[in-house]
């Protein structure tokens, strides 16, 4: 069986567009006050929240579990997804970073999104982005686009619950725009120290940022 040439071209074009969003403002120069760095991160998340509101806040249309930690968060995310699926819940799982292919971030009940559905999602989110930019707003970058598209996919597919893995840190991670029912922190260790800090209390402060008022917190720390 041969692949449809038009579909192949469409897929490549979609990948080119998404990968073209890998950009961002320059890193703060050495010596930048921590308060300024944090202010930039807070502003970035606020812009993402505004874009999600423009998209209809898809992340609010299902329950969620947010999983962070220095190590073990990926396996914990996968395990929670399987447990919820086995209990009869239609379950979306967002992993970050992915292991082999980016579309692993779009998985429901253990099944990665089909290529044709992925193209629909990219086209739909791309249309929203272009209307957003035309209205004078800043273009979302790669991570923000993926998070928005993942939330949109889970909403359109009417999942009961989504298990969302943090990319790095927690407090200022692009996934930290949800209001989870449960926040899980697997461990606290020395990793990403350039951005998270050199001490365990500093790193823990970032990890604990996924815990929201009214949510349940579970941790092995």
N, C-alpha and C. Protein backbone atom coordinates (compact mmCIF):
# COMPACT_ATOMS: atom_id res chain seq x y z
N UNK A 1 0.85 -1.19 0.00
CA UNK A 1 0.00 0.00 0.00
C UNK A 1 0.89 1.24 0.00
N UNK A 2 0.61 2.17 -0.91
CA UNK A 2 1.40 3.38 -1.02
C UNK A 2 0.67 4.55 -0.34
N UNK A 3 1.45 5.39 0.30
CA UNK A 3 0.87 6.56 0.95
C UNK A 3 0.38 7.57 -0.08
N UNK A 4 -0.69 8.25 0.25
CA UNK A 4 -1.22 9.30 -0.61
C UNK A 4 -0.21 10.45 -0.67
N UNK A 5 0.32 10.77 -1.86
CA UNK A 5 1.32 11.85 -1.95
C UNK A 5 0.82 13.18 -1.38
N UNK A 6 -0.45 13.49 -1.60
CA UNK A 6 -0.99 14.74 -1.07
C UNK A 6 -0.99 14.74 0.46
N UNK A 7 -1.32 13.57 1.04
CA UNK A 7 -1.33 13.46 2.50
C UNK A 7 0.08 13.59 3.06
N UNK A 8 1.05 13.00 2.36
CA UNK A 8 2.45 13.10 2.80
C UNK A 8 2.91 14.55 2.77
N UNK A 9 2.58 15.25 1.70
CA UNK A 9 2.96 16.66 1.59
C UNK A 9 2.28 17.50 2.67
N UNK A 10 1.01 17.19 2.93
CA UNK A 10 0.27 17.90 3.97
C UNK A 10 0.94 17.70 5.32
N UNK A 11 1.34 16.46 5.60
CA UNK A 11 1.97 16.15 6.88
C UNK A 11 3.30 16.89 7.01
N UNK A 12 4.09 16.87 5.95
CA UNK A 12 5.38 17.56 6.00
C UNK A 12 5.21 19.06 6.20
N UNK A 13 4.20 19.61 5.53
CA UNK A 13 3.94 21.04 5.67
C UNK A 13 3.52 21.37 7.09
N UNK A 14 2.69 20.49 7.68
CA UNK A 14 2.26 20.71 9.05
C UNK A 14 3.44 20.66 10.01
N UNK A 15 4.33 19.68 9.81
CA UNK A 15 5.51 19.56 10.66
C UNK A 15 6.43 20.77 10.51
N UNK A 16 6.56 21.25 9.28
CA UNK A 16 7.39 22.43 9.04
C UNK A 16 6.83 23.64 9.79
N UNK A 17 5.51 23.78 9.75
CA UNK A 17 4.88 24.90 10.46
C UNK A 17 5.10 24.79 11.96
N UNK A 18 4.81 23.62 12.52
CA UNK A 18 4.93 23.45 13.97
C UNK A 18 6.38 23.64 14.42
N UNK A 19 7.31 23.01 13.72
CA UNK A 19 8.72 23.13 14.10
C UNK A 19 9.24 24.55 13.91
N UNK A 20 8.60 25.30 13.01
CA UNK A 20 8.98 26.69 12.82
C UNK A 20 8.61 27.58 13.99
N UNK A 21 7.84 27.03 14.93
CA UNK A 21 7.46 27.79 16.12
C UNK A 21 8.49 27.65 17.24
N UNK A 22 9.57 26.93 16.96
CA UNK A 22 10.63 26.78 17.96
C UNK A 22 11.44 28.06 17.99
N UNK A 23 10.98 28.97 18.77
CA UNK A 23 11.64 30.27 18.92
C UNK A 23 11.27 30.81 20.29
N UNK A 24 11.87 31.88 20.64
CA UNK A 24 11.54 32.50 21.91
C UNK A 24 12.42 33.71 22.13
N UNK A 25 12.09 34.49 23.11
CA UNK A 25 12.92 35.66 23.41
C UNK A 25 14.29 35.22 23.89
N UNK A 26 15.31 36.04 23.71
CA UNK A 26 16.64 35.67 24.18
C UNK A 26 16.66 35.47 25.69
N UNK A 27 17.52 34.57 26.13
CA UNK A 27 17.63 34.32 27.57
C UNK A 27 18.12 35.57 28.28
N UNK A 28 17.66 35.78 29.49
CA UNK A 28 18.14 36.94 30.24
C UNK A 28 19.66 36.88 30.40
N UNK A 29 20.35 37.98 30.26
CA UNK A 29 21.81 37.97 30.40
C UNK A 29 22.22 37.65 31.83
N UNK A 30 23.45 37.16 32.01
CA UNK A 30 23.93 36.90 33.37
C UNK A 30 23.80 38.14 34.25
N UNK A 31 23.39 37.91 35.47
CA UNK A 31 23.23 39.02 36.39
C UNK A 31 21.84 39.61 36.42
N UNK A 32 20.95 39.10 35.55
CA UNK A 32 19.57 39.60 35.58
C UNK A 32 18.93 39.26 36.93
N UNK A 33 18.32 40.20 37.60
CA UNK A 33 17.71 39.92 38.91
C UNK A 33 16.67 38.81 38.81
N UNK A 34 16.64 37.90 39.80
CA UNK A 34 15.65 36.82 39.78
C UNK A 34 14.22 37.32 39.66
N UNK A 35 13.95 38.48 40.25
CA UNK A 35 12.60 39.02 40.19
C UNK A 35 12.19 39.32 38.75
N UNK A 36 13.14 39.81 37.95
CA UNK A 36 12.84 40.11 36.55
C UNK A 36 12.61 38.83 35.75
N UNK A 37 13.43 37.81 36.02
CA UNK A 37 13.27 36.53 35.33
C UNK A 37 11.90 35.94 35.63
N UNK A 38 11.50 35.99 36.90
CA UNK A 38 10.20 35.45 37.29
C UNK A 38 9.06 36.27 36.68
N UNK A 39 9.24 37.57 36.61
CA UNK A 39 8.20 38.42 36.02
C UNK A 39 7.98 38.07 34.56
N UNK A 40 9.06 37.78 33.84
CA UNK A 40 8.94 37.38 32.44
C UNK A 40 8.20 36.06 32.31
N UNK A 41 8.51 35.12 33.22
CA UNK A 41 7.86 33.81 33.17
C UNK A 41 6.37 33.93 33.48
N UNK A 42 6.03 34.75 34.45
CA UNK A 42 4.62 34.96 34.80
C UNK A 42 3.87 35.58 33.62
N UNK A 43 4.50 36.54 32.96
CA UNK A 43 3.87 37.19 31.81
C UNK A 43 3.64 36.21 30.67
N UNK A 44 4.59 35.30 30.49
CA UNK A 44 4.45 34.29 29.43
C UNK A 44 3.24 33.40 29.70
N UNK A 45 3.09 32.94 30.94
CA UNK A 45 1.95 32.09 31.26
C UNK A 45 0.64 32.85 31.13
N UNK A 46 0.65 34.12 31.46
CA UNK A 46 -0.56 34.92 31.34
C UNK A 46 -0.96 35.06 29.87
N UNK A 47 0.03 35.23 28.99
CA UNK A 47 -0.27 35.30 27.55
C UNK A 47 -0.86 33.99 27.07
N UNK A 48 -0.34 32.87 27.57
CA UNK A 48 -0.87 31.56 27.17
C UNK A 48 -2.30 31.39 27.68
N UNK A 49 -2.57 31.82 28.89
CA UNK A 49 -3.94 31.73 29.42
C UNK A 49 -4.90 32.55 28.55
N UNK A 50 -4.44 33.71 28.11
CA UNK A 50 -5.28 34.54 27.25
C UNK A 50 -5.55 33.86 25.92
N UNK A 51 -4.53 33.20 25.37
CA UNK A 51 -4.74 32.48 24.11
C UNK A 51 -5.70 31.31 24.30
N UNK A 52 -5.55 30.59 25.41
CA UNK A 52 -6.46 29.48 25.69
C UNK A 52 -7.89 29.98 25.86
N UNK A 53 -8.06 31.13 26.48
CA UNK A 53 -9.40 31.72 26.60
C UNK A 53 -9.96 32.03 25.22
N UNK A 54 -9.11 32.53 24.32
CA UNK A 54 -9.50 32.79 22.94
C UNK A 54 -9.96 31.50 22.26
N UNK A 55 -9.34 30.38 22.64
CA UNK A 55 -9.69 29.07 22.08
C UNK A 55 -10.89 28.44 22.77
N UNK A 56 -11.43 29.10 23.79
CA UNK A 56 -12.58 28.56 24.50
C UNK A 56 -12.24 27.79 25.75
N UNK A 57 -11.01 27.93 26.23
CA UNK A 57 -10.55 27.24 27.44
C UNK A 57 -10.83 25.74 27.40
N UNK A 58 -10.27 25.04 26.41
CA UNK A 58 -10.51 23.60 26.31
C UNK A 58 -10.02 22.83 27.52
N UNK A 59 -9.02 23.34 28.22
CA UNK A 59 -8.44 22.64 29.38
C UNK A 59 -9.41 22.56 30.55
N UNK A 60 -10.51 23.28 30.49
CA UNK A 60 -11.49 23.26 31.57
C UNK A 60 -12.64 22.30 31.32
N UNK A 61 -12.58 21.56 30.24
CA UNK A 61 -13.71 20.70 29.86
C UNK A 61 -13.55 19.26 30.31
N UNK A 62 -12.57 19.01 31.15
CA UNK A 62 -12.37 17.67 31.70
C UNK A 62 -11.55 17.82 32.98
N UNK A 63 -11.54 16.78 33.79
CA UNK A 63 -10.75 16.79 35.02
C UNK A 63 -9.29 16.49 34.67
N UNK A 64 -8.40 16.87 35.55
CA UNK A 64 -6.99 16.69 35.23
C UNK A 64 -6.15 16.36 36.46
N UNK A 65 -5.04 15.69 36.18
CA UNK A 65 -4.01 15.38 37.18
C UNK A 65 -2.71 15.93 36.63
N UNK A 66 -2.01 16.72 37.43
CA UNK A 66 -0.75 17.34 37.00
C UNK A 66 0.39 16.62 37.70
N UNK A 67 1.38 16.16 36.94
CA UNK A 67 2.47 15.36 37.50
C UNK A 67 3.81 16.06 37.26
N UNK A 68 4.51 16.36 38.34
CA UNK A 68 5.83 16.96 38.25
C UNK A 68 6.82 16.20 39.12
N UNK A 69 8.06 16.66 39.11
CA UNK A 69 9.09 16.01 39.91
C UNK A 69 10.39 15.91 39.14
N UNK A 70 11.47 15.71 39.86
CA UNK A 70 12.78 15.64 39.22
C UNK A 70 12.95 14.34 38.44
N UNK A 71 12.52 13.24 39.00
CA UNK A 71 12.61 11.95 38.32
C UNK A 71 11.36 11.14 38.64
N UNK A 72 11.00 10.26 37.71
CA UNK A 72 9.85 9.39 37.90
C UNK A 72 8.53 9.97 37.43
N UNK A 73 8.54 11.21 36.95
CA UNK A 73 7.27 11.81 36.55
C UNK A 73 6.70 11.19 35.28
N UNK A 74 7.58 10.79 34.35
CA UNK A 74 7.10 10.18 33.12
C UNK A 74 6.44 8.83 33.37
N UNK A 75 7.10 7.99 34.16
CA UNK A 75 6.54 6.67 34.46
C UNK A 75 5.28 6.80 35.32
N UNK A 76 5.27 7.77 36.22
CA UNK A 76 4.07 8.00 37.03
C UNK A 76 2.90 8.45 36.17
N UNK A 77 3.17 9.33 35.22
CA UNK A 77 2.13 9.79 34.29
C UNK A 77 1.56 8.62 33.51
N UNK A 78 2.44 7.77 32.98
CA UNK A 78 1.99 6.61 32.20
C UNK A 78 1.18 5.65 33.06
N UNK A 79 1.65 5.41 34.28
CA UNK A 79 0.95 4.49 35.18
C UNK A 79 -0.43 5.02 35.55
N UNK A 80 -0.51 6.29 35.88
CA UNK A 80 -1.81 6.88 36.21
C UNK A 80 -2.77 6.79 35.03
N UNK A 81 -2.25 7.02 33.83
CA UNK A 81 -3.08 6.92 32.64
C UNK A 81 -3.66 5.53 32.48
N UNK A 82 -2.82 4.52 32.67
CA UNK A 82 -3.28 3.14 32.53
C UNK A 82 -4.27 2.76 33.62
N UNK A 83 -4.01 3.21 34.84
CA UNK A 83 -4.92 2.90 35.94
C UNK A 83 -6.30 3.51 35.71
N UNK A 84 -6.32 4.76 35.28
CA UNK A 84 -7.59 5.42 35.02
C UNK A 84 -8.33 4.77 33.87
N UNK A 85 -7.59 4.40 32.84
CA UNK A 85 -8.21 3.71 31.70
C UNK A 85 -8.80 2.38 32.14
N UNK A 86 -8.06 1.63 32.97
CA UNK A 86 -8.54 0.34 33.45
C UNK A 86 -9.78 0.49 34.33
N UNK A 87 -9.90 1.65 34.97
CA UNK A 87 -11.07 1.91 35.82
C UNK A 87 -12.27 2.37 35.01
N UNK A 88 -12.10 2.48 33.70
CA UNK A 88 -13.22 2.82 32.84
C UNK A 88 -13.31 4.26 32.42
N UNK A 89 -12.29 5.05 32.74
CA UNK A 89 -12.29 6.46 32.35
C UNK A 89 -11.63 6.63 30.98
N UNK A 90 -12.22 7.46 30.16
CA UNK A 90 -11.59 7.84 28.90
C UNK A 90 -10.48 8.83 29.25
N UNK A 91 -9.24 8.44 29.02
CA UNK A 91 -8.11 9.14 29.62
C UNK A 91 -7.13 9.66 28.58
N UNK A 92 -6.87 10.96 28.63
CA UNK A 92 -5.83 11.56 27.82
C UNK A 92 -4.53 11.63 28.61
N UNK A 93 -3.41 11.41 27.93
CA UNK A 93 -2.10 11.47 28.59
C UNK A 93 -1.18 12.38 27.79
N UNK A 94 -0.64 13.38 28.47
CA UNK A 94 0.32 14.31 27.86
C UNK A 94 1.68 14.05 28.49
N UNK A 95 2.67 13.63 27.70
CA UNK A 95 4.02 13.39 28.19
C UNK A 95 4.95 14.48 27.68
N UNK A 96 5.89 14.86 28.52
CA UNK A 96 6.82 15.93 28.13
C UNK A 96 8.13 15.76 28.90
N UNK A 97 9.24 15.58 28.21
CA UNK A 97 9.34 15.51 26.75
C UNK A 97 8.87 14.15 26.24
N UNK A 98 8.59 14.06 24.96
CA UNK A 98 8.18 12.78 24.38
C UNK A 98 9.41 11.89 24.21
N UNK A 99 9.17 10.59 23.99
CA UNK A 99 10.27 9.64 23.88
C UNK A 99 10.75 9.47 22.45
N UNK A 100 9.82 9.30 21.49
CA UNK A 100 10.21 9.01 20.11
C UNK A 100 9.63 9.99 19.10
N UNK A 101 8.33 10.20 19.17
CA UNK A 101 7.68 11.11 18.21
C UNK A 101 6.84 12.12 18.98
N UNK A 102 6.75 13.33 18.43
CA UNK A 102 6.05 14.41 19.12
C UNK A 102 4.57 14.10 19.34
N UNK A 103 3.98 13.29 18.47
CA UNK A 103 2.55 13.01 18.59
C UNK A 103 2.23 12.13 19.80
N UNK A 104 3.25 11.66 20.52
CA UNK A 104 2.99 10.96 21.78
C UNK A 104 2.24 11.86 22.75
N UNK A 105 2.37 13.18 22.57
CA UNK A 105 1.68 14.12 23.44
C UNK A 105 0.18 14.09 23.23
N UNK A 106 -0.27 13.47 22.15
CA UNK A 106 -1.69 13.39 21.82
C UNK A 106 -2.12 11.93 21.90
N UNK A 107 -2.25 11.42 23.11
CA UNK A 107 -2.61 10.01 23.32
C UNK A 107 -3.85 9.91 24.18
N UNK A 108 -4.77 9.05 23.76
CA UNK A 108 -6.00 8.80 24.51
C UNK A 108 -6.16 7.29 24.65
N UNK A 109 -6.36 6.85 25.89
CA UNK A 109 -6.49 5.42 26.18
C UNK A 109 -5.36 4.61 25.56
N UNK A 110 -4.15 5.15 25.63
CA UNK A 110 -2.98 4.44 25.17
C UNK A 110 -2.73 4.49 23.69
N UNK A 111 -3.58 5.18 22.93
CA UNK A 111 -3.45 5.24 21.48
C UNK A 111 -3.00 6.64 21.05
N UNK A 112 -1.86 6.68 20.34
CA UNK A 112 -1.38 7.95 19.81
C UNK A 112 -2.29 8.39 18.67
N UNK A 113 -2.49 9.68 18.55
CA UNK A 113 -3.39 10.24 17.54
C UNK A 113 -3.00 9.76 16.13
N UNK A 114 -4.00 9.47 15.30
CA UNK A 114 -3.76 9.08 13.91
C UNK A 114 -3.24 10.28 13.13
N UNK A 115 -2.47 10.01 12.08
CA UNK A 115 -1.87 11.09 11.29
C UNK A 115 -2.92 12.03 10.72
N UNK A 116 -4.03 11.46 10.22
CA UNK A 116 -5.07 12.30 9.62
C UNK A 116 -5.71 13.22 10.66
N UNK A 117 -5.89 12.70 11.87
CA UNK A 117 -6.48 13.51 12.95
C UNK A 117 -5.48 14.58 13.41
N UNK A 118 -4.23 14.22 13.43
CA UNK A 118 -3.18 15.18 13.79
C UNK A 118 -3.19 16.36 12.84
N UNK A 119 -3.34 16.09 11.55
CA UNK A 119 -3.37 17.17 10.57
C UNK A 119 -4.57 18.07 10.79
N UNK A 120 -5.71 17.49 11.13
CA UNK A 120 -6.90 18.30 11.43
C UNK A 120 -6.63 19.23 12.61
N UNK A 121 -5.96 18.69 13.62
CA UNK A 121 -5.68 19.48 14.82
C UNK A 121 -4.71 20.62 14.53
N UNK A 122 -3.65 20.30 13.78
CA UNK A 122 -2.68 21.34 13.44
C UNK A 122 -3.36 22.44 12.62
N UNK A 123 -4.14 22.04 11.62
CA UNK A 123 -4.82 23.03 10.78
C UNK A 123 -5.77 23.90 11.61
N UNK A 124 -6.51 23.25 12.51
CA UNK A 124 -7.45 24.00 13.34
C UNK A 124 -6.76 24.97 14.28
N UNK A 125 -5.69 24.50 14.94
CA UNK A 125 -4.98 25.37 15.87
C UNK A 125 -4.22 26.45 15.12
N UNK A 126 -3.72 26.12 13.95
CA UNK A 126 -3.02 27.12 13.14
C UNK A 126 -3.96 28.25 12.75
N UNK A 127 -5.19 27.91 12.40
CA UNK A 127 -6.18 28.93 12.06
C UNK A 127 -6.44 29.85 13.25
N UNK A 128 -6.54 29.27 14.45
CA UNK A 128 -6.74 30.08 15.65
C UNK A 128 -5.55 31.00 15.89
N UNK A 129 -4.34 30.46 15.71
CA UNK A 129 -3.14 31.26 15.92
C UNK A 129 -3.11 32.45 14.97
N UNK A 130 -3.43 32.20 13.70
CA UNK A 130 -3.37 33.30 12.72
C UNK A 130 -4.40 34.38 13.03
N UNK A 131 -5.57 33.98 13.51
CA UNK A 131 -6.58 34.98 13.90
C UNK A 131 -6.13 35.73 15.15
N UNK A 132 -5.48 35.03 16.05
CA UNK A 132 -4.94 35.63 17.27
C UNK A 132 -3.87 36.67 16.95
N UNK A 133 -2.97 36.30 16.06
CA UNK A 133 -1.89 37.21 15.67
C UNK A 133 -2.44 38.41 14.91
N UNK A 134 -3.43 38.15 14.04
CA UNK A 134 -4.03 39.24 13.26
C UNK A 134 -4.70 40.27 14.16
N UNK A 135 -5.11 39.82 15.35
CA UNK A 135 -5.75 40.73 16.31
C UNK A 135 -4.72 41.52 17.11
N UNK A 136 -3.43 41.31 16.79
CA UNK A 136 -2.39 42.10 17.43
C UNK A 136 -1.67 41.44 18.58
N UNK A 137 -1.89 40.13 18.75
CA UNK A 137 -1.26 39.42 19.87
C UNK A 137 0.03 38.73 19.43
N UNK A 138 0.83 38.36 20.41
CA UNK A 138 2.09 37.68 20.15
C UNK A 138 1.84 36.23 19.73
N UNK A 139 2.61 35.76 18.77
CA UNK A 139 2.45 34.39 18.26
C UNK A 139 2.92 33.38 19.32
N UNK A 140 2.11 32.36 19.62
CA UNK A 140 2.57 31.32 20.54
C UNK A 140 3.79 30.60 19.98
N UNK A 141 4.68 30.18 20.86
CA UNK A 141 5.84 29.41 20.40
C UNK A 141 5.50 27.92 20.37
N UNK A 142 6.49 27.10 20.10
CA UNK A 142 6.30 25.66 19.91
C UNK A 142 5.63 25.01 21.12
N UNK A 143 6.19 25.24 22.31
CA UNK A 143 5.64 24.61 23.50
C UNK A 143 4.22 25.05 23.78
N UNK A 144 3.96 26.33 23.60
CA UNK A 144 2.62 26.87 23.85
C UNK A 144 1.62 26.32 22.84
N UNK A 145 2.03 26.22 21.58
CA UNK A 145 1.17 25.67 20.53
C UNK A 145 0.80 24.23 20.86
N UNK A 146 1.81 23.44 21.26
CA UNK A 146 1.55 22.03 21.55
C UNK A 146 0.62 21.86 22.75
N UNK A 147 0.85 22.64 23.79
CA UNK A 147 -0.02 22.55 24.95
C UNK A 147 -1.46 22.88 24.57
N UNK A 148 -1.64 23.96 23.84
CA UNK A 148 -2.99 24.36 23.42
C UNK A 148 -3.63 23.29 22.55
N UNK A 149 -2.85 22.73 21.62
CA UNK A 149 -3.40 21.71 20.73
C UNK A 149 -3.74 20.43 21.49
N UNK A 150 -2.91 20.08 22.46
CA UNK A 150 -3.19 18.90 23.27
C UNK A 150 -4.48 19.07 24.05
N UNK A 151 -4.63 20.21 24.70
CA UNK A 151 -5.86 20.47 25.45
C UNK A 151 -7.08 20.47 24.53
N UNK A 152 -6.93 21.03 23.34
CA UNK A 152 -8.02 21.06 22.37
C UNK A 152 -8.41 19.66 21.95
N UNK A 153 -7.42 18.82 21.71
CA UNK A 153 -7.67 17.43 21.30
C UNK A 153 -8.44 16.69 22.39
N UNK A 154 -7.98 16.79 23.62
CA UNK A 154 -8.66 16.11 24.71
C UNK A 154 -10.10 16.59 24.86
N UNK A 155 -10.31 17.89 24.68
CA UNK A 155 -11.67 18.44 24.80
C UNK A 155 -12.56 17.93 23.67
N UNK A 156 -12.05 17.96 22.45
CA UNK A 156 -12.85 17.52 21.30
C UNK A 156 -13.18 16.04 21.39
N UNK A 157 -12.25 15.26 21.94
CA UNK A 157 -12.47 13.82 22.05
C UNK A 157 -13.19 13.43 23.34
N UNK A 158 -13.58 14.43 24.12
CA UNK A 158 -14.40 14.25 25.31
C UNK A 158 -13.80 13.24 26.30
N UNK A 159 -12.54 13.47 26.66
CA UNK A 159 -11.94 12.62 27.68
C UNK A 159 -12.60 12.92 29.02
N UNK A 160 -12.57 11.94 29.91
CA UNK A 160 -13.06 12.15 31.27
C UNK A 160 -12.01 12.84 32.13
N UNK A 161 -10.76 12.47 31.89
CA UNK A 161 -9.67 12.99 32.69
C UNK A 161 -8.40 13.01 31.84
N UNK A 162 -7.53 13.97 32.11
CA UNK A 162 -6.24 14.04 31.43
C UNK A 162 -5.13 14.04 32.48
N UNK A 163 -4.09 13.26 32.20
CA UNK A 163 -2.91 13.24 33.06
C UNK A 163 -1.84 14.05 32.33
N UNK A 164 -1.42 15.15 32.92
CA UNK A 164 -0.54 16.11 32.26
C UNK A 164 0.82 16.11 32.95
N UNK A 165 1.85 15.74 32.20
CA UNK A 165 3.22 15.73 32.74
C UNK A 165 3.88 17.09 32.53
N UNK A 166 4.51 17.59 33.58
CA UNK A 166 5.28 18.83 33.50
C UNK A 166 6.51 18.61 32.62
N UNK A 167 6.89 19.65 31.87
CA UNK A 167 8.11 19.56 31.08
C UNK A 167 9.34 19.72 31.94
N UNK A 168 9.47 20.86 32.60
CA UNK A 168 10.60 21.13 33.48
C UNK A 168 10.16 22.09 34.57
N UNK A 169 10.58 21.82 35.78
CA UNK A 169 10.20 22.69 36.90
C UNK A 169 8.76 22.46 37.29
N UNK A 170 7.93 23.43 37.01
CA UNK A 170 6.52 23.31 37.35
C UNK A 170 5.84 24.65 37.39
N UNK A 171 6.29 25.52 38.27
CA UNK A 171 5.62 26.80 38.48
C UNK A 171 5.51 27.62 37.19
N UNK A 172 6.56 27.62 36.38
CA UNK A 172 6.58 28.43 35.16
C UNK A 172 6.56 27.58 33.89
N UNK A 173 6.26 26.30 34.03
CA UNK A 173 6.16 25.42 32.87
C UNK A 173 4.90 25.75 32.08
N UNK A 174 4.94 25.54 30.76
CA UNK A 174 3.78 25.89 29.93
C UNK A 174 2.54 25.07 30.28
N UNK A 175 2.71 23.91 30.91
CA UNK A 175 1.54 23.13 31.30
C UNK A 175 0.83 23.71 32.51
N UNK A 176 1.47 24.65 33.20
CA UNK A 176 0.91 25.14 34.46
C UNK A 176 -0.14 26.23 34.24
N UNK A 177 -1.05 25.94 33.34
CA UNK A 177 -2.20 26.81 33.08
C UNK A 177 -3.50 26.07 33.38
N UNK A 178 -3.38 24.89 33.96
CA UNK A 178 -4.56 24.10 34.30
C UNK A 178 -4.84 24.24 35.79
N UNK A 179 -6.05 23.88 36.18
CA UNK A 179 -6.45 23.83 37.58
C UNK A 179 -6.71 22.37 37.90
N UNK A 180 -5.68 21.62 38.24
CA UNK A 180 -5.84 20.17 38.39
C UNK A 180 -6.63 19.78 39.63
N UNK A 181 -7.29 18.65 39.53
CA UNK A 181 -7.95 18.09 40.71
C UNK A 181 -6.91 17.50 41.65
N UNK A 182 -5.84 16.97 41.07
CA UNK A 182 -4.76 16.37 41.85
C UNK A 182 -3.42 16.83 41.29
N UNK A 183 -2.50 17.21 42.16
CA UNK A 183 -1.13 17.54 41.77
C UNK A 183 -0.21 16.49 42.40
N UNK A 184 0.64 15.90 41.58
CA UNK A 184 1.56 14.85 42.04
C UNK A 184 2.99 15.35 41.87
N UNK A 185 3.78 15.26 42.93
CA UNK A 185 5.21 15.58 42.85
C UNK A 185 5.97 14.33 43.26
N UNK A 186 6.71 13.76 42.32
CA UNK A 186 7.35 12.46 42.55
C UNK A 186 8.60 12.55 43.39
N UNK A 187 9.43 13.55 43.14
CA UNK A 187 10.70 13.66 43.86
C UNK A 187 11.27 15.06 43.67
N UNK A 188 12.22 15.40 44.51
CA UNK A 188 12.94 16.67 44.39
C UNK A 188 14.43 16.36 44.36
N UNK A 189 15.11 16.77 43.30
CA UNK A 189 16.54 16.53 43.19
C UNK A 189 17.21 17.62 42.39
N UNK A 190 18.51 17.48 42.22
CA UNK A 190 19.29 18.51 41.52
C UNK A 190 19.23 18.29 40.02
N UNK A 191 18.44 19.11 39.35
CA UNK A 191 18.30 19.04 37.89
C UNK A 191 17.80 20.41 37.40
N UNK A 192 18.16 20.75 36.16
CA UNK A 192 17.77 22.05 35.59
C UNK A 192 18.14 23.20 36.54
N UNK A 193 19.32 23.09 37.12
CA UNK A 193 19.71 24.04 38.17
C UNK A 193 19.93 25.46 37.64
N UNK A 194 20.22 25.59 36.35
CA UNK A 194 20.42 26.92 35.78
C UNK A 194 19.14 27.74 35.89
N UNK A 195 18.01 27.08 35.68
CA UNK A 195 16.73 27.79 35.70
C UNK A 195 15.96 27.63 37.01
N UNK A 196 16.21 26.52 37.73
CA UNK A 196 15.42 26.25 38.94
C UNK A 196 16.12 26.65 40.23
N UNK A 197 17.43 26.80 40.19
CA UNK A 197 18.16 27.17 41.40
C UNK A 197 19.15 26.11 41.82
N UNK A 198 20.00 26.47 42.76
CA UNK A 198 21.10 25.59 43.17
C UNK A 198 20.84 24.83 44.45
N UNK A 199 19.71 25.10 45.10
CA UNK A 199 19.41 24.42 46.36
C UNK A 199 18.09 23.67 46.24
N UNK A 200 17.92 22.66 47.10
CA UNK A 200 16.67 21.89 47.07
C UNK A 200 15.45 22.75 47.42
N UNK A 201 15.54 23.67 48.39
CA UNK A 201 14.37 24.53 48.63
C UNK A 201 13.97 25.36 47.41
N UNK A 202 14.96 25.87 46.68
CA UNK A 202 14.65 26.64 45.47
C UNK A 202 13.96 25.76 44.44
N UNK A 203 14.50 24.56 44.23
CA UNK A 203 13.92 23.64 43.25
C UNK A 203 12.52 23.21 43.69
N UNK A 204 12.37 22.93 44.99
CA UNK A 204 11.06 22.53 45.51
C UNK A 204 10.02 23.62 45.30
N UNK A 205 10.43 24.88 45.41
CA UNK A 205 9.50 26.01 45.19
C UNK A 205 8.93 25.96 43.79
N UNK A 206 9.77 25.65 42.81
CA UNK A 206 9.30 25.54 41.43
C UNK A 206 8.36 24.35 41.27
N UNK A 207 8.75 23.19 41.83
CA UNK A 207 7.92 21.99 41.69
C UNK A 207 6.55 22.20 42.34
N UNK A 208 6.54 22.83 43.51
CA UNK A 208 5.29 23.00 44.25
C UNK A 208 4.33 23.97 43.58
N UNK A 209 4.80 24.67 42.55
CA UNK A 209 3.95 25.63 41.87
C UNK A 209 2.77 25.02 41.14
N UNK A 210 2.78 23.68 40.95
CA UNK A 210 1.64 23.05 40.27
C UNK A 210 0.49 22.76 41.24
N UNK A 211 0.74 22.91 42.53
CA UNK A 211 -0.31 22.68 43.53
C UNK A 211 -1.21 23.92 43.58
N UNK A 212 -2.49 23.72 43.38
CA UNK A 212 -3.44 24.84 43.34
C UNK A 212 -4.39 24.80 44.54
N UNK A 213 -4.93 25.95 44.93
CA UNK A 213 -5.91 25.97 46.02
C UNK A 213 -7.08 25.04 45.72
N UNK A 214 -7.40 24.21 46.70
CA UNK A 214 -8.53 23.30 46.54
C UNK A 214 -8.20 21.97 45.89
N UNK A 215 -6.97 21.82 45.39
CA UNK A 215 -6.60 20.56 44.76
C UNK A 215 -5.96 19.63 45.78
N UNK A 216 -5.96 18.36 45.48
CA UNK A 216 -5.30 17.36 46.31
C UNK A 216 -3.84 17.29 45.89
N UNK A 217 -2.93 17.23 46.85
CA UNK A 217 -1.51 17.11 46.56
C UNK A 217 -1.01 15.76 47.06
N UNK A 218 -0.29 15.05 46.20
CA UNK A 218 0.30 13.76 46.56
C UNK A 218 1.78 13.80 46.22
N UNK A 219 2.61 13.38 47.16
CA UNK A 219 4.04 13.43 46.92
C UNK A 219 4.77 12.36 47.71
N UNK A 220 5.93 11.96 47.20
CA UNK A 220 6.79 11.03 47.92
C UNK A 220 7.89 11.78 48.65
N UNK A 221 7.90 13.11 48.53
CA UNK A 221 8.97 13.91 49.14
C UNK A 221 8.81 13.92 50.66
